[in-house]
Amino acid sequence: MELFTPDFGLVFWMFVGFAVLFLILWKFAWPVILKSVDKRADLIDKGVEYAQNAKEQLDNARTEAQKYIDEARRQQADMLREADKMKTQIIEEARGAAQKEAQKVMDSAKVSIEQQQKQAEHQFRNQVSEFALEIARKVVKNQMADPEAQSKLVNTYLDQIDKDDNAK
């Protein structure tokens, strides 16, 4: 049982060795350990602060991004409304231009029809005049074959010329 019951000298020297080791560690190692722990704590605090700043910046960036998205959506809606107005205006202008063009075509067609009608009437009158002259020539030719009818016609014309001269 001597293993489990140490001598007083052994315990004393163990205690002295422990105390010396404790004093050396307390004098030299403990400040370095505390300094390292403090540095680590400062580093962790700075990391936490940096993370908080990053979170704030991220929140600000999200807020700003949401503002930009809202502005972009508003601008998009404005552009779509403007495009719809322009589309309606272009359609109305095209419809008006088409109506004007149709009216011009109708007016032109009316003028053309009137001109063709007048030309047809003129041709008809010319043909009727030619037929009437041809018929008159044939009638006069038949009537003038007789010398007595010729002299009667000449006298009638001379009388008519005299009346016209006297009227002036």
N, C-alpha and C. Protein backbone atom coordinates (compact mmCIF):
# COMPACT_ATOMS: atom_id res chain seq x y z
N MET A 1 0.78 -1.18 0.00
CA MET A 1 0.00 0.00 0.00
C MET A 1 0.83 1.25 0.00
N GLU A 2 2.00 1.05 -0.05
CA GLU A 2 2.88 2.18 -0.08
C GLU A 2 2.70 3.01 -1.35
N LEU A 3 2.16 2.43 -2.33
CA LEU A 3 1.92 3.15 -3.57
C LEU A 3 0.85 4.22 -3.40
N PHE A 4 -0.08 3.90 -2.55
CA PHE A 4 -1.17 4.85 -2.38
C PHE A 4 -0.95 5.83 -1.26
N THR A 5 0.04 5.70 -0.50
CA THR A 5 0.34 6.62 0.58
C THR A 5 1.73 7.17 0.39
N PRO A 6 1.85 8.33 -0.21
CA PRO A 6 3.17 8.90 -0.48
C PRO A 6 3.78 9.49 0.79
N ASP A 7 5.08 9.65 0.78
CA ASP A 7 5.81 10.25 1.91
C ASP A 7 5.62 11.75 1.91
N PHE A 8 5.88 12.30 3.08
CA PHE A 8 5.73 13.75 3.24
C PHE A 8 6.74 14.49 2.36
N GLY A 9 7.93 14.05 2.22
CA GLY A 9 8.96 14.70 1.41
C GLY A 9 8.56 14.74 -0.05
N LEU A 10 8.00 13.64 -0.51
CA LEU A 10 7.57 13.59 -1.90
C LEU A 10 6.45 14.60 -2.14
N VAL A 11 5.53 14.65 -1.22
CA VAL A 11 4.41 15.58 -1.37
C VAL A 11 4.94 17.00 -1.29
N PHE A 12 5.90 17.25 -0.38
CA PHE A 12 6.45 18.60 -0.25
C PHE A 12 7.13 19.03 -1.52
N TRP A 13 8.00 18.18 -2.09
CA TRP A 13 8.71 18.56 -3.30
C TRP A 13 7.77 18.67 -4.50
N MET A 14 6.74 17.88 -4.50
CA MET A 14 5.76 18.01 -5.58
C MET A 14 5.02 19.36 -5.46
N PHE A 15 4.70 19.72 -4.22
CA PHE A 15 4.04 20.99 -4.00
C PHE A 15 4.96 22.14 -4.37
N VAL A 16 6.23 22.09 -4.03
CA VAL A 16 7.19 23.13 -4.36
C VAL A 16 7.36 23.20 -5.87
N GLY A 17 7.46 22.08 -6.52
CA GLY A 17 7.60 22.07 -7.98
C GLY A 17 6.36 22.67 -8.67
N PHE A 18 5.19 22.29 -8.11
CA PHE A 18 3.96 22.84 -8.67
C PHE A 18 3.91 24.34 -8.47
N ALA A 19 4.30 24.82 -7.28
CA ALA A 19 4.27 26.25 -6.99
C ALA A 19 5.23 27.00 -7.89
N VAL A 20 6.45 26.44 -8.10
CA VAL A 20 7.43 27.09 -8.98
C VAL A 20 6.87 27.14 -10.41
N LEU A 21 6.35 26.01 -10.85
CA LEU A 21 5.78 25.97 -12.20
C LEU A 21 4.62 26.95 -12.32
N PHE A 22 3.78 26.99 -11.25
CA PHE A 22 2.66 27.92 -11.27
C PHE A 22 3.13 29.35 -11.33
N LEU A 23 4.15 29.71 -10.56
CA LEU A 23 4.68 31.08 -10.56
C LEU A 23 5.29 31.43 -11.92
N ILE A 24 6.02 30.50 -12.52
CA ILE A 24 6.63 30.76 -13.84
C ILE A 24 5.53 30.94 -14.89
N LEU A 25 4.56 30.03 -14.84
CA LEU A 25 3.47 30.15 -15.80
C LEU A 25 2.68 31.44 -15.57
N TRP A 26 2.44 31.76 -14.27
CA TRP A 26 1.69 32.97 -13.97
C TRP A 26 2.45 34.20 -14.40
N LYS A 27 3.74 34.21 -14.28
CA LYS A 27 4.56 35.36 -14.63
C LYS A 27 4.74 35.50 -16.13
N PHE A 28 4.98 34.39 -16.82
CA PHE A 28 5.33 34.49 -18.24
C PHE A 28 4.22 33.99 -19.18
N ALA A 29 3.63 32.87 -18.90
CA ALA A 29 2.69 32.27 -19.85
C ALA A 29 1.29 32.88 -19.73
N TRP A 30 0.87 33.11 -18.48
CA TRP A 30 -0.48 33.61 -18.28
C TRP A 30 -0.73 34.95 -18.98
N PRO A 31 0.17 35.95 -18.94
CA PRO A 31 -0.09 37.19 -19.68
C PRO A 31 -0.20 36.95 -21.20
N VAL A 32 0.62 36.04 -21.71
CA VAL A 32 0.56 35.75 -23.15
C VAL A 32 -0.77 35.09 -23.48
N ILE A 33 -1.20 34.16 -22.62
CA ILE A 33 -2.49 33.48 -22.85
C ILE A 33 -3.62 34.49 -22.76
N LEU A 34 -3.58 35.36 -21.71
CA LEU A 34 -4.63 36.38 -21.58
C LEU A 34 -4.62 37.34 -22.78
N LYS A 35 -3.40 37.70 -23.19
CA LYS A 35 -3.29 38.60 -24.34
C LYS A 35 -3.88 37.93 -25.59
N SER A 36 -3.60 36.67 -25.80
CA SER A 36 -4.14 35.93 -26.94
C SER A 36 -5.65 35.83 -26.85
N VAL A 37 -6.15 35.55 -25.64
CA VAL A 37 -7.60 35.45 -25.44
C VAL A 37 -8.24 36.81 -25.71
N ASP A 38 -7.60 37.90 -25.21
CA ASP A 38 -8.13 39.25 -25.46
C ASP A 38 -8.12 39.58 -26.96
N LYS A 39 -7.02 39.21 -27.62
CA LYS A 39 -6.95 39.45 -29.07
C LYS A 39 -8.06 38.68 -29.78
N ARG A 40 -8.22 37.43 -29.35
CA ARG A 40 -9.26 36.60 -29.97
C ARG A 40 -10.64 37.19 -29.70
N ALA A 41 -10.85 37.69 -28.46
CA ALA A 41 -12.14 38.31 -28.11
C ALA A 41 -12.34 39.58 -28.94
N ASP A 42 -11.27 40.39 -29.08
CA ASP A 42 -11.36 41.60 -29.91
C ASP A 42 -11.66 41.23 -31.37
N LEU A 43 -10.99 40.20 -31.85
CA LEU A 43 -11.21 39.75 -33.23
C LEU A 43 -12.65 39.29 -33.41
N ILE A 44 -13.14 38.55 -32.42
CA ILE A 44 -14.53 38.09 -32.50
C ILE A 44 -15.49 39.28 -32.43
N ASP A 45 -15.21 40.23 -31.52
CA ASP A 45 -16.05 41.43 -31.43
C ASP A 45 -16.04 42.22 -32.74
N LYS A 46 -14.83 42.36 -33.32
CA LYS A 46 -14.73 43.06 -34.61
C LYS A 46 -15.49 42.30 -35.69
N GLY A 47 -15.38 40.98 -35.68
CA GLY A 47 -16.12 40.16 -36.65
C GLY A 47 -17.62 40.33 -36.51
N VAL A 48 -18.07 40.34 -35.23
CA VAL A 48 -19.50 40.55 -34.97
C VAL A 48 -19.92 41.94 -35.45
N GLU A 49 -19.10 42.95 -35.12
CA GLU A 49 -19.40 44.33 -35.54
C GLU A 49 -19.40 44.42 -37.07
N TYR A 50 -18.41 43.78 -37.70
CA TYR A 50 -18.34 43.77 -39.16
C TYR A 50 -19.58 43.08 -39.73
N ALA A 51 -19.98 41.97 -39.12
CA ALA A 51 -21.18 41.25 -39.58
C ALA A 51 -22.42 42.12 -39.42
N GLN A 52 -22.50 42.85 -38.28
CA GLN A 52 -23.65 43.74 -38.08
C GLN A 52 -23.65 44.86 -39.12
N ASN A 53 -22.45 45.44 -39.37
CA ASN A 53 -22.36 46.49 -40.39
C ASN A 53 -22.72 45.92 -41.77
N ALA A 54 -22.23 44.72 -42.04
CA ALA A 54 -22.56 44.10 -43.33
C ALA A 54 -24.05 43.85 -43.43
N LYS A 55 -24.66 43.40 -42.31
CA LYS A 55 -26.11 43.17 -42.31
C LYS A 55 -26.86 44.48 -42.53
N GLU A 56 -26.42 45.56 -41.88
CA GLU A 56 -27.06 46.87 -42.08
C GLU A 56 -26.91 47.33 -43.52
N GLN A 57 -25.68 47.15 -44.05
CA GLN A 57 -25.46 47.53 -45.45
C GLN A 57 -26.32 46.69 -46.39
N LEU A 58 -26.43 45.41 -46.09
CA LEU A 58 -27.26 44.53 -46.90
C LEU A 58 -28.73 44.95 -46.82
N ASP A 59 -29.17 45.27 -45.60
CA ASP A 59 -30.55 45.74 -45.45
C ASP A 59 -30.76 47.05 -46.21
N ASN A 60 -29.79 47.97 -46.10
CA ASN A 60 -29.88 49.23 -46.85
C ASN A 60 -29.87 48.97 -48.35
N ALA A 61 -29.00 48.04 -48.76
CA ALA A 61 -28.93 47.72 -50.20
C ALA A 61 -30.24 47.09 -50.66
N ARG A 62 -30.82 46.22 -49.83
CA ARG A 62 -32.12 45.62 -50.20
C ARG A 62 -33.19 46.70 -50.30
N THR A 63 -33.18 47.62 -49.33
CA THR A 63 -34.17 48.71 -49.36
C THR A 63 -33.98 49.55 -50.61
N GLU A 64 -32.73 49.89 -50.89
CA GLU A 64 -32.44 50.70 -52.08
C GLU A 64 -32.78 49.93 -53.35
N ALA A 65 -32.45 48.64 -53.38
CA ALA A 65 -32.78 47.83 -54.55
C ALA A 65 -34.29 47.76 -54.73
N GLN A 66 -35.03 47.64 -53.64
CA GLN A 66 -36.49 47.61 -53.74
C GLN A 66 -37.01 48.94 -54.26
N LYS A 67 -36.38 50.05 -53.82
CA LYS A 67 -36.77 51.37 -54.35
C LYS A 67 -36.52 51.42 -55.85
N TYR A 68 -35.34 50.93 -56.30
CA TYR A 68 -35.04 50.93 -57.73
C TYR A 68 -36.01 50.04 -58.50
N ILE A 69 -36.34 48.89 -57.91
CA ILE A 69 -37.28 47.98 -58.57
C ILE A 69 -38.65 48.64 -58.68
N ASP A 70 -39.10 49.28 -57.59
CA ASP A 70 -40.39 49.98 -57.62
C ASP A 70 -40.37 51.10 -58.65
N GLU A 71 -39.27 51.85 -58.70
CA GLU A 71 -39.14 52.93 -59.68
C GLU A 71 -39.15 52.38 -61.10
N ALA A 72 -38.43 51.27 -61.29
CA ALA A 72 -38.39 50.65 -62.63
C ALA A 72 -39.78 50.15 -63.03
N ARG A 73 -40.50 49.58 -62.07
CA ARG A 73 -41.87 49.12 -62.38
C ARG A 73 -42.77 50.30 -62.70
N ARG A 74 -42.61 51.39 -61.96
CA ARG A 74 -43.42 52.59 -62.24
C ARG A 74 -43.10 53.12 -63.63
N GLN A 75 -41.80 53.18 -63.94
CA GLN A 75 -41.39 53.66 -65.26
C GLN A 75 -41.90 52.72 -66.36
N GLN A 76 -41.85 51.43 -66.09
CA GLN A 76 -42.35 50.46 -67.06
C GLN A 76 -43.85 50.69 -67.29
N ALA A 77 -44.59 50.87 -66.20
CA ALA A 77 -46.03 51.12 -66.34
C ALA A 77 -46.27 52.42 -67.11
N ASP A 78 -45.48 53.46 -66.81
CA ASP A 78 -45.61 54.72 -67.55
C ASP A 78 -45.31 54.52 -69.03
N MET A 79 -44.24 53.77 -69.31
CA MET A 79 -43.89 53.51 -70.72
C MET A 79 -44.98 52.73 -71.42
N LEU A 80 -45.56 51.75 -70.74
CA LEU A 80 -46.63 50.97 -71.36
C LEU A 80 -47.86 51.84 -71.61
N ARG A 81 -48.19 52.72 -70.64
CA ARG A 81 -49.31 53.63 -70.87
C ARG A 81 -49.03 54.57 -72.04
N GLU A 82 -47.80 55.10 -72.09
CA GLU A 82 -47.42 56.00 -73.18
C GLU A 82 -47.46 55.26 -74.52
N ALA A 83 -46.96 54.03 -74.52
CA ALA A 83 -46.98 53.24 -75.76
C ALA A 83 -48.40 52.96 -76.20
N ASP A 84 -49.29 52.70 -75.24
CA ASP A 84 -50.70 52.46 -75.57
C ASP A 84 -51.33 53.73 -76.15
N LYS A 85 -51.00 54.88 -75.54
CA LYS A 85 -51.50 56.15 -76.08
C LYS A 85 -50.99 56.38 -77.50
N MET A 86 -49.69 56.12 -77.69
CA MET A 86 -49.10 56.32 -79.02
C MET A 86 -49.74 55.36 -80.02
N LYS A 87 -49.99 54.12 -79.60
CA LYS A 87 -50.62 53.15 -80.49
C LYS A 87 -52.00 53.64 -80.90
N THR A 88 -52.77 54.10 -79.91
CA THR A 88 -54.11 54.61 -80.20
C THR A 88 -54.04 55.82 -81.13
N GLN A 89 -53.09 56.71 -80.85
CA GLN A 89 -52.94 57.90 -81.69
C GLN A 89 -52.55 57.52 -83.11
N ILE A 90 -51.62 56.59 -83.24
CA ILE A 90 -51.18 56.16 -84.58
C ILE A 90 -52.34 55.52 -85.33
N ILE A 91 -53.12 54.69 -84.62
CA ILE A 91 -54.27 54.05 -85.27
C ILE A 91 -55.27 55.09 -85.73
N GLU A 92 -55.54 56.08 -84.86
CA GLU A 92 -56.49 57.14 -85.24
C GLU A 92 -55.97 57.96 -86.43
N GLU A 93 -54.65 58.28 -86.39
CA GLU A 93 -54.07 59.03 -87.51
C GLU A 93 -54.15 58.21 -88.79
N ALA A 94 -53.85 56.92 -88.69
CA ALA A 94 -53.91 56.06 -89.88
C ALA A 94 -55.35 55.95 -90.38
N ARG A 95 -56.28 55.84 -89.45
CA ARG A 95 -57.69 55.76 -89.84
C ARG A 95 -58.11 57.06 -90.54
N GLY A 96 -57.71 58.20 -89.96
CA GLY A 96 -58.03 59.49 -90.59
C GLY A 96 -57.39 59.63 -91.95
N ALA A 97 -56.12 59.23 -92.06
CA ALA A 97 -55.43 59.31 -93.35
C ALA A 97 -56.09 58.39 -94.36
N ALA A 98 -56.51 57.21 -93.92
CA ALA A 98 -57.17 56.27 -94.83
C ALA A 98 -58.51 56.85 -95.31
N GLN A 99 -59.23 57.50 -94.38
CA GLN A 99 -60.50 58.11 -94.78
C GLN A 99 -60.27 59.25 -95.76
N LYS A 100 -59.24 60.07 -95.49
CA LYS A 100 -58.93 61.16 -96.42
C LYS A 100 -58.53 60.60 -97.78
N GLU A 101 -57.71 59.56 -97.78
CA GLU A 101 -57.27 58.96 -99.04
C GLU A 101 -58.46 58.35 -99.77
N ALA A 102 -59.35 57.70 -99.02
CA ALA A 102 -60.55 57.12 -99.65
C ALA A 102 -61.42 58.23 -100.24
N GLN A 103 -61.53 59.35 -99.50
CA GLN A 103 -62.32 60.48 -100.01
C GLN A 103 -61.68 61.04 -101.28
N LYS A 104 -60.34 61.14 -101.30
CA LYS A 104 -59.65 61.62 -102.49
C LYS A 104 -59.91 60.68 -103.67
N VAL A 105 -59.83 59.38 -103.40
CA VAL A 105 -60.07 58.41 -104.47
C VAL A 105 -61.50 58.53 -104.97
N MET A 106 -62.45 58.69 -104.02
CA MET A 106 -63.86 58.84 -104.42
C MET A 106 -64.05 60.13 -105.23
N ASP A 107 -63.46 61.22 -104.78
CA ASP A 107 -63.57 62.48 -105.51
C ASP A 107 -62.95 62.35 -106.89
N SER A 108 -61.79 61.73 -106.94
CA SER A 108 -61.11 61.53 -108.22
C SER A 108 -61.96 60.67 -109.14
N ALA A 109 -62.57 59.62 -108.57
CA ALA A 109 -63.43 58.76 -109.38
C ALA A 109 -64.64 59.53 -109.89
N LYS A 110 -65.23 60.39 -109.01
CA LYS A 110 -66.38 61.20 -109.44
C LYS A 110 -65.98 62.13 -110.59
N VAL A 111 -64.84 62.79 -110.42
CA VAL A 111 -64.36 63.70 -111.47
C VAL A 111 -64.12 62.94 -112.76
N SER A 112 -63.50 61.78 -112.64
CA SER A 112 -63.22 60.97 -113.82
C SER A 112 -64.51 60.53 -114.49
N ILE A 113 -65.48 60.12 -113.68
CA ILE A 113 -66.77 59.69 -114.24
C ILE A 113 -67.45 60.86 -114.94
N GLU A 114 -67.42 62.04 -114.30
CA GLU A 114 -68.04 63.23 -114.90
C GLU A 114 -67.35 63.58 -116.22
N GLN A 115 -66.01 63.51 -116.23
CA GLN A 115 -65.27 63.82 -117.45
C GLN A 115 -65.62 62.81 -118.55
N GLN A 116 -65.67 61.55 -118.19
CA GLN A 116 -66.01 60.53 -119.18
C GLN A 116 -67.44 60.70 -119.68
N GLN A 117 -68.33 61.08 -118.75
CA GLN A 117 -69.72 61.32 -119.13
C GLN A 117 -69.81 62.51 -120.11
N LYS A 118 -69.09 63.59 -119.78
CA LYS A 118 -69.10 64.76 -120.67
C LYS A 118 -68.49 64.41 -122.02
N GLN A 119 -67.42 63.64 -121.98
CA GLN A 119 -66.78 63.23 -123.23
C GLN A 119 -67.73 62.35 -124.04
N ALA A 120 -68.45 61.45 -123.38
CA ALA A 120 -69.41 60.59 -124.07
C ALA A 120 -70.54 61.43 -124.65
N GLU A 121 -71.03 62.41 -123.85
CA GLU A 121 -72.08 63.30 -124.36
C GLU A 121 -71.58 64.08 -125.57
N HIS A 122 -70.35 64.58 -125.48
CA HIS A 122 -69.77 65.33 -126.59
C HIS A 122 -69.65 64.45 -127.84
N GLN A 123 -69.18 63.23 -127.68
CA GLN A 123 -69.08 62.31 -128.81
C GLN A 123 -70.46 62.00 -129.39
N PHE A 124 -71.42 61.80 -128.46
CA PHE A 124 -72.78 61.52 -128.92
C PHE A 124 -73.34 62.69 -129.73
N ARG A 125 -73.12 63.92 -129.22
CA ARG A 125 -73.60 65.11 -129.94
C ARG A 125 -72.91 65.23 -131.31
N ASN A 126 -71.60 64.97 -131.32
CA ASN A 126 -70.88 65.02 -132.59
C ASN A 126 -71.44 64.00 -133.58
N GLN A 127 -71.70 62.79 -133.09
CA GLN A 127 -72.25 61.76 -133.99
C GLN A 127 -73.65 62.13 -134.45
N VAL A 128 -74.47 62.64 -133.51
CA VAL A 128 -75.82 63.07 -133.89
C VAL A 128 -75.74 64.20 -134.91
N SER A 129 -74.79 65.15 -134.67
CA SER A 129 -74.63 66.26 -135.62
C SER A 129 -74.21 65.74 -136.98
N GLU A 130 -73.29 64.80 -137.00
CA GLU A 130 -72.83 64.23 -138.28
C GLU A 130 -73.97 63.53 -138.99
N PHE A 131 -74.78 62.76 -138.21
CA PHE A 131 -75.93 62.07 -138.82
C PHE A 131 -76.93 63.08 -139.36
N ALA A 132 -77.18 64.15 -138.57
CA ALA A 132 -78.14 65.17 -139.00
C ALA A 132 -77.64 65.87 -140.26
N LEU A 133 -76.34 66.17 -140.30
CA LEU A 133 -75.79 66.82 -141.49
C LEU A 133 -75.85 65.90 -142.71
N GLU A 134 -75.57 64.65 -142.46
CA GLU A 134 -75.61 63.68 -143.56
C GLU A 134 -77.04 63.56 -144.09
N ILE A 135 -78.00 63.48 -143.14
CA ILE A 135 -79.41 63.40 -143.56
C ILE A 135 -79.80 64.68 -144.29
N ALA A 136 -79.38 65.84 -143.75
CA ALA A 136 -79.71 67.13 -144.38
C ALA A 136 -79.10 67.20 -145.76
N ARG A 137 -77.87 66.73 -145.92
CA ARG A 137 -77.24 66.73 -147.24
C ARG A 137 -78.04 65.90 -148.24
N LYS A 138 -78.46 64.73 -147.76
CA LYS A 138 -79.22 63.85 -148.66
C LYS A 138 -80.55 64.50 -149.02
N VAL A 139 -81.23 65.11 -148.01
CA VAL A 139 -82.51 65.76 -148.28
C VAL A 139 -82.32 66.94 -149.21
N VAL A 140 -81.30 67.77 -148.92
CA VAL A 140 -81.04 68.95 -149.76
C VAL A 140 -80.65 68.51 -151.16
N LYS A 141 -79.88 67.46 -151.24
CA LYS A 141 -79.44 66.97 -152.56
C LYS A 141 -80.65 66.53 -153.36
N ASN A 142 -81.60 65.85 -152.69
CA ASN A 142 -82.81 65.42 -153.40
C ASN A 142 -83.66 66.62 -153.79
N GLN A 143 -83.78 67.59 -152.92
CA GLN A 143 -84.60 68.76 -153.21
C GLN A 143 -83.94 69.68 -154.24
N MET A 144 -82.65 69.75 -154.27
CA MET A 144 -81.95 70.65 -155.16
C MET A 144 -81.78 70.07 -156.57
N ALA A 145 -82.20 68.91 -156.73
CA ALA A 145 -82.12 68.33 -158.07
C ALA A 145 -83.06 69.09 -159.01
N ASP A 146 -84.12 69.67 -158.46
CA ASP A 146 -85.08 70.44 -159.26
C ASP A 146 -84.63 71.89 -159.32
N PRO A 147 -84.51 72.53 -160.55
CA PRO A 147 -84.04 73.90 -160.65
C PRO A 147 -85.00 74.90 -160.01
N GLU A 148 -86.24 74.62 -160.01
CA GLU A 148 -87.20 75.54 -159.42
C GLU A 148 -87.03 75.57 -157.90
N ALA A 149 -86.76 74.47 -157.28
CA ALA A 149 -86.54 74.40 -155.83
C ALA A 149 -85.25 75.13 -155.49
N GLN A 150 -84.26 75.09 -156.36
CA GLN A 150 -82.99 75.79 -156.10
C GLN A 150 -83.21 77.29 -156.08
N SER A 151 -83.94 77.78 -157.02
CA SER A 151 -84.13 79.22 -157.06
C SER A 151 -85.00 79.67 -155.89
N LYS A 152 -85.98 78.88 -155.50
CA LYS A 152 -86.81 79.23 -154.36
C LYS A 152 -85.95 79.31 -153.09
N LEU A 153 -85.04 78.37 -152.88
CA LEU A 153 -84.16 78.34 -151.71
C LEU A 153 -83.25 79.56 -151.71
N VAL A 154 -82.68 79.92 -152.85
CA VAL A 154 -81.79 81.08 -152.94
C VAL A 154 -82.56 82.34 -152.62
N ASN A 155 -83.76 82.45 -153.12
CA ASN A 155 -84.57 83.64 -152.85
C ASN A 155 -84.91 83.74 -151.35
N THR A 156 -85.21 82.63 -150.76
CA THR A 156 -85.54 82.63 -149.33
C THR A 156 -84.33 83.11 -148.52
N TYR A 157 -83.18 82.64 -148.86
CA TYR A 157 -81.97 83.07 -148.13
C TYR A 157 -81.68 84.55 -148.36
N LEU A 158 -81.87 85.02 -149.57
CA LEU A 158 -81.62 86.43 -149.85
C LEU A 158 -82.60 87.32 -149.09
N ASP A 159 -83.87 86.87 -149.00
CA ASP A 159 -84.86 87.63 -148.25
C ASP A 159 -84.47 87.69 -146.76
N GLN A 160 -84.00 86.61 -146.32
CA GLN A 160 -83.60 86.54 -144.91
C GLN A 160 -82.40 87.46 -144.65
N ILE A 161 -81.46 87.52 -145.56
CA ILE A 161 -80.29 88.39 -145.42
C ILE A 161 -80.73 89.85 -145.44
N ASP A 162 -81.69 90.16 -146.32
CA ASP A 162 -82.21 91.54 -146.38
C ASP A 162 -82.88 91.93 -145.06
N LYS A 163 -83.64 91.03 -144.50
CA LYS A 163 -84.31 91.31 -143.23
C LYS A 163 -83.27 91.55 -142.12
N ASP A 164 -82.23 90.76 -142.14
CA ASP A 164 -81.19 90.90 -141.12
C ASP A 164 -80.46 92.25 -141.28
N ASP A 165 -80.21 92.67 -142.52
CA ASP A 165 -79.56 93.94 -142.78
C ASP A 165 -80.45 95.11 -142.36
N ASN A 166 -81.73 95.01 -142.63
CA ASN A 166 -82.66 96.08 -142.29
C ASN A 166 -82.85 96.17 -140.77
N ALA A 167 -82.75 95.08 -140.11
CA ALA A 167 -82.93 95.09 -138.66
C ALA A 167 -81.73 95.78 -137.98
N LYS A 168 -80.63 95.82 -138.58
CA LYS A 168 -79.45 96.41 -137.98
C LYS A 168 -79.51 97.87 -138.16
